[in-house]
Amino acid sequence: MKYNIQGGTLPVVVCELEAGEKMITEGGGMSWMSPNMNMETTSNGGIGKALGRAFSGEKMFQNIYTAQGGPGMIAFASSFPGSIVPFEIGPGNEMIFQKSAYLAGESGVTLSVHFRKKVAAGLFGGEGFIMQKATGHGTVFAEFDGHVMEYELQAGEQLLVDTGHLAAMTATCSLDIKTVAGVKNKLFGGEGFFNTVITGPGHIWLQTLPLANVAGVLRQYIPTSSN
């Protein structure tokens, strides 16, 4: 499989497949394709994995696209202004993504739900509690909101991140929840009650424009209906 990412902040990834090669995406992820791409809708692993994907922000069913009778082409566009980032998944190179980041991937990549280790803390830690883990072998494409910043963390090195800005990290990193200190800071600081603490070793990708933040800003301009 060959691919080309185009479009700047409104990106699309165009994949060129050899005959028999497959790409997997959630329902509605395909933007355009050549006529010889065959689609099959599947739970891809049974109801258990389908429910796990739904819990991590994806749709329960996925579409498998196969190039038939010769080379094929299929394109996947981002659903929000930002970036499409490719990742090569393999043994020892598993990735953890924010929920709903998965755009498409080769058939050798498996997507599953990933929880923080401390469930009790995670329940109060916002959207970062439930994430996605990509394992197996192959290329996977993730879509992130806004511009992407990358950091390499050494063993034991930490970075404090506002909930929602963590886009992805290598599976060697660990996450935890840290409470914002001080009652006044919690109530009037505007940063919420919790932050995400990422500990290395590993690589992390941060996004500058989480969709949840955009929705929060726009919400104040949407008139509410009165009975």
Protein backbone atom coordinates (compact mmCIF):
# COMPACT_ATOMS: atom_id res chain seq x y z
CA MET A 1 0.00 0.00 0.00
CA LYS A 2 1.20 3.47 -0.94
CA TYR A 3 -0.36 6.66 0.36
CA ASN A 4 -0.23 10.42 -0.05
CA ILE A 5 -1.57 12.94 2.48
CA GLN A 6 -2.78 16.20 0.93
CA GLY A 7 -4.89 19.22 1.84
CA GLY A 8 -2.99 21.07 4.57
CA THR A 9 -5.35 21.80 7.48
CA LEU A 10 -8.26 20.14 5.62
CA PRO A 11 -6.42 16.89 4.95
CA VAL A 12 -7.21 13.74 3.02
CA VAL A 13 -5.13 10.57 2.69
CA VAL A 14 -5.24 8.88 -0.72
CA CYS A 15 -4.26 5.20 -0.62
CA GLU A 16 -3.07 3.20 -3.64
CA LEU A 17 -3.63 -0.53 -3.16
CA GLU A 18 -2.37 -3.55 -5.03
CA ALA A 19 -4.87 -6.25 -6.00
CA GLY A 20 -6.12 -8.03 -2.86
CA GLU A 21 -4.91 -5.41 -0.42
CA LYS A 22 -7.43 -4.25 2.18
CA MET A 23 -8.18 -1.08 4.13
CA ILE A 24 -10.47 -0.84 7.15
CA THR A 25 -12.44 2.20 8.30
CA GLU A 26 -15.52 2.86 10.38
CA GLY A 27 -18.84 3.43 8.60
CA GLY A 28 -18.89 6.69 6.68
CA GLY A 29 -15.09 7.02 6.63
CA MET A 30 -14.63 6.54 2.88
CA SER A 31 -14.56 9.76 0.83
CA TRP A 32 -14.00 8.47 -2.72
CA MET A 33 -12.59 5.36 -4.40
CA SER A 34 -12.05 3.56 -7.67
CA PRO A 35 -14.91 1.32 -8.93
CA ASN A 36 -13.01 -1.92 -8.25
CA MET A 37 -12.90 -1.38 -4.49
CA ASN A 38 -15.23 -3.93 -2.89
CA MET A 39 -16.86 -3.03 0.45
CA GLU A 40 -17.83 -5.51 3.18
CA THR A 41 -19.43 -4.37 6.46
CA THR A 42 -18.40 -6.47 9.45
CA SER A 43 -18.15 -6.51 13.25
CA ASN A 44 -14.47 -7.41 12.60
CA GLY A 45 -13.81 -9.69 15.54
CA GLY A 46 -17.23 -10.36 16.95
CA ILE A 47 -19.67 -8.50 19.16
CA GLY A 48 -17.15 -8.16 22.02
CA LYS A 49 -14.66 -6.19 19.96
CA ALA A 50 -17.48 -4.24 18.31
CA LEU A 51 -18.76 -3.12 21.73
CA GLY A 52 -15.21 -2.23 22.77
CA ARG A 53 -14.80 0.00 19.70
CA ALA A 54 -18.12 1.69 20.44
CA PHE A 55 -17.02 2.31 24.03
CA SER A 56 -13.84 3.97 22.77
CA GLY A 57 -15.73 6.37 20.50
CA GLU A 58 -15.85 4.43 17.23
CA LYS A 59 -18.81 2.84 15.49
CA MET A 60 -19.57 -0.80 16.26
CA PHE A 61 -19.29 -1.96 12.65
CA GLN A 62 -16.40 -1.38 10.28
CA ASN A 63 -16.09 -1.43 6.50
CA ILE A 64 -13.38 -3.49 4.82
CA TYR A 65 -12.41 -2.28 1.33
CA THR A 66 -10.56 -4.68 -0.97
CA ALA A 67 -8.96 -3.91 -4.34
CA GLN A 68 -10.34 -6.49 -6.79
CA GLY A 69 -9.00 -7.47 -10.21
CA GLY A 70 -6.08 -5.03 -10.10
CA PRO A 71 -4.75 -1.92 -8.35
CA GLY A 72 -7.31 0.26 -6.57
CA MET A 73 -7.55 3.67 -4.97
CA ILE A 74 -9.42 4.86 -1.88
CA ALA A 75 -9.39 8.18 -0.04
CA PHE A 76 -10.23 9.09 3.57
CA ALA A 77 -10.80 12.75 4.49
CA SER A 78 -10.55 14.24 7.96
CA SER A 79 -13.87 15.21 9.59
CA PHE A 80 -12.46 18.38 11.23
CA PRO A 81 -9.70 20.90 10.40
CA GLY A 82 -6.43 19.48 11.63
CA SER A 83 -3.95 16.80 10.66
CA ILE A 84 -3.87 13.21 9.42
CA VAL A 85 -0.85 11.39 10.85
CA PRO A 86 0.39 7.95 9.68
CA PHE A 87 1.72 5.40 12.16
CA GLU A 88 3.56 2.15 11.48
CA ILE A 89 2.27 -0.43 13.95
CA GLY A 90 4.30 -3.51 14.81
CA PRO A 91 5.58 -5.64 17.70
CA GLY A 92 6.98 -3.25 20.31
CA ASN A 93 5.54 -0.27 18.44
CA GLU A 94 1.92 -0.18 19.62
CA MET A 95 0.10 3.15 19.83
CA ILE A 96 -2.48 4.70 22.15
CA PHE A 97 -4.87 7.21 20.53
CA GLN A 98 -7.51 9.59 21.85
CA LYS A 99 -11.00 8.19 21.31
CA SER A 100 -12.41 8.83 17.81
CA ALA A 101 -8.90 9.48 16.40
CA TYR A 102 -8.86 6.34 14.21
CA LEU A 103 -9.50 7.18 10.56
CA ALA A 104 -8.44 4.09 8.61
CA GLY A 105 -5.83 1.36 8.64
CA GLU A 106 -4.49 -1.71 6.92
CA SER A 107 -6.19 -5.00 7.73
CA GLY A 108 -3.30 -6.20 9.89
CA VAL A 109 -3.93 -3.49 12.50
CA THR A 110 -6.28 -4.27 15.41
CA LEU A 111 -8.08 -1.51 17.31
CA SER A 112 -9.23 -2.07 20.90
CA VAL A 113 -10.38 -0.04 23.90
CA HIS A 114 -7.69 1.17 26.33
CA PHE A 115 -8.33 2.29 29.93
CA ARG A 116 -6.23 4.20 32.39
CA LYS A 117 -4.77 1.99 35.10
CA LYS A 118 -6.50 3.90 37.89
CA VAL A 119 -10.17 3.48 37.02
CA ALA A 120 -11.49 5.52 39.95
CA ALA A 121 -9.36 8.52 39.00
CA GLY A 122 -10.14 8.06 35.35
CA LEU A 123 -13.87 8.27 35.90
CA PHE A 124 -13.39 11.87 37.02
CA GLY A 125 -10.65 12.72 34.54
CA GLY A 126 -12.81 13.58 31.54
CA GLU A 127 -12.58 12.34 27.97
CA GLY A 128 -9.01 11.06 28.34
CA PHE A 129 -10.13 8.11 30.49
CA ILE A 130 -11.17 5.94 27.54
CA MET A 131 -8.69 5.71 24.68
CA GLN A 132 -7.88 3.42 21.74
CA LYS A 133 -4.98 0.99 21.37
CA ALA A 134 -3.62 -0.02 17.96
CA THR A 135 -1.74 -3.33 17.79
CA GLY A 136 -0.83 -5.85 15.11
CA HIS A 137 1.12 -4.98 11.99
CA GLY A 138 0.60 -2.32 9.31
CA THR A 139 -0.10 1.35 8.70
CA VAL A 140 -2.86 3.20 10.51
CA PHE A 141 -4.02 6.78 9.95
CA ALA A 142 -5.23 8.95 12.83
CA GLU A 143 -6.92 12.36 12.60
CA PHE A 144 -6.04 15.03 15.15
CA ASP A 145 -7.67 18.40 15.78
CA GLY A 146 -5.69 21.50 14.86
CA HIS A 147 -1.88 21.62 14.75
CA VAL A 148 0.15 18.72 16.16
CA MET A 149 3.13 19.13 18.51
CA GLU A 150 5.46 16.23 19.32
CA TYR A 151 7.58 15.55 22.39
CA GLU A 152 10.03 12.77 23.26
CA LEU A 153 9.92 11.91 26.96
CA GLN A 154 12.82 10.19 28.69
CA ALA A 155 12.30 7.52 31.34
CA GLY A 156 10.54 9.17 34.29
CA GLU A 157 10.14 12.51 32.52
CA GLN A 158 6.64 13.95 32.82
CA LEU A 159 4.41 16.43 31.02
CA LEU A 160 1.20 17.90 32.42
CA VAL A 161 -1.50 18.19 29.74
CA ASP A 162 -4.96 19.72 29.81
CA THR A 163 -7.60 17.08 29.15
CA GLY A 164 -8.32 16.69 25.46
CA HIS A 165 -4.97 17.93 24.14
CA LEU A 166 -3.33 14.50 24.24
CA ALA A 167 -3.76 13.08 20.73
CA ALA A 168 -1.54 9.99 20.83
CA MET A 169 1.37 8.35 22.58
CA THR A 170 3.49 5.26 22.24
CA ALA A 171 2.32 2.41 24.45
CA THR A 172 5.52 2.71 26.52
CA CYS A 173 4.17 5.93 28.08
CA SER A 174 1.85 5.86 31.09
CA LEU A 175 -0.99 8.18 32.07
CA ASP A 176 -2.44 9.30 35.35
CA ILE A 177 -4.85 11.93 36.66
CA LYS A 178 -3.64 14.84 38.81
CA THR A 179 -6.03 17.03 40.75
CA VAL A 180 -5.64 20.79 40.32
CA ALA A 181 -4.31 22.16 43.61
CA GLY A 182 -6.35 24.64 45.65
CA VAL A 183 -10.12 25.14 45.92
CA LYS A 184 -9.91 28.63 44.38
CA ASN A 185 -7.94 27.26 41.42
CA LYS A 186 -10.52 24.52 40.91
CA LEU A 187 -13.55 26.80 41.05
CA PHE A 188 -12.28 29.93 39.32
CA GLY A 189 -9.20 28.90 37.34
CA GLY A 190 -11.16 27.77 34.29
CA GLU A 191 -8.95 24.71 33.82
CA GLY A 192 -11.26 22.15 35.40
CA PHE A 193 -10.55 19.91 38.37
CA PHE A 194 -8.12 17.47 36.75
CA ASN A 195 -5.15 17.34 34.39
CA THR A 196 -3.50 14.45 32.59
CA VAL A 197 0.04 13.48 33.61
CA ILE A 198 2.05 11.65 30.93
CA THR A 199 5.21 9.82 32.04
CA GLY A 200 7.93 8.54 29.73
CA PRO A 201 9.76 6.86 28.21
CA GLY A 202 8.09 7.36 24.87
CA HIS A 203 6.83 9.77 22.23
CA ILE A 204 3.66 11.86 22.50
CA TRP A 205 1.56 13.85 20.04
CA LEU A 206 -0.45 16.84 21.30
CA GLN A 207 -3.26 18.61 19.43
CA THR A 208 -3.87 22.36 19.68
CA LEU A 209 -7.61 22.46 18.92
CA PRO A 210 -9.60 19.67 20.62
CA LEU A 211 -13.08 19.42 19.12
CA ALA A 212 -14.63 19.41 22.61
CA ASN A 213 -13.04 22.81 23.31
CA VAL A 214 -14.40 24.21 20.05
CA ALA A 215 -17.87 22.93 20.91
CA GLY A 216 -17.65 24.60 24.31
CA VAL A 217 -16.79 27.97 22.76
CA LEU A 218 -19.56 27.73 20.15
CA ARG A 219 -22.17 26.62 22.67
CA GLN A 220 -22.43 30.09 24.20
CA TYR A 221 -23.44 31.54 20.83
CA ILE A 222 -26.20 28.99 20.17
CA PRO A 223 -29.58 30.33 21.37
CA THR A 224 -31.54 28.02 23.65
CA SER A 225 -35.20 27.43 23.00
CA SER A 226 -37.68 28.51 25.65
CA ASN A 227 -40.93 26.74 26.41
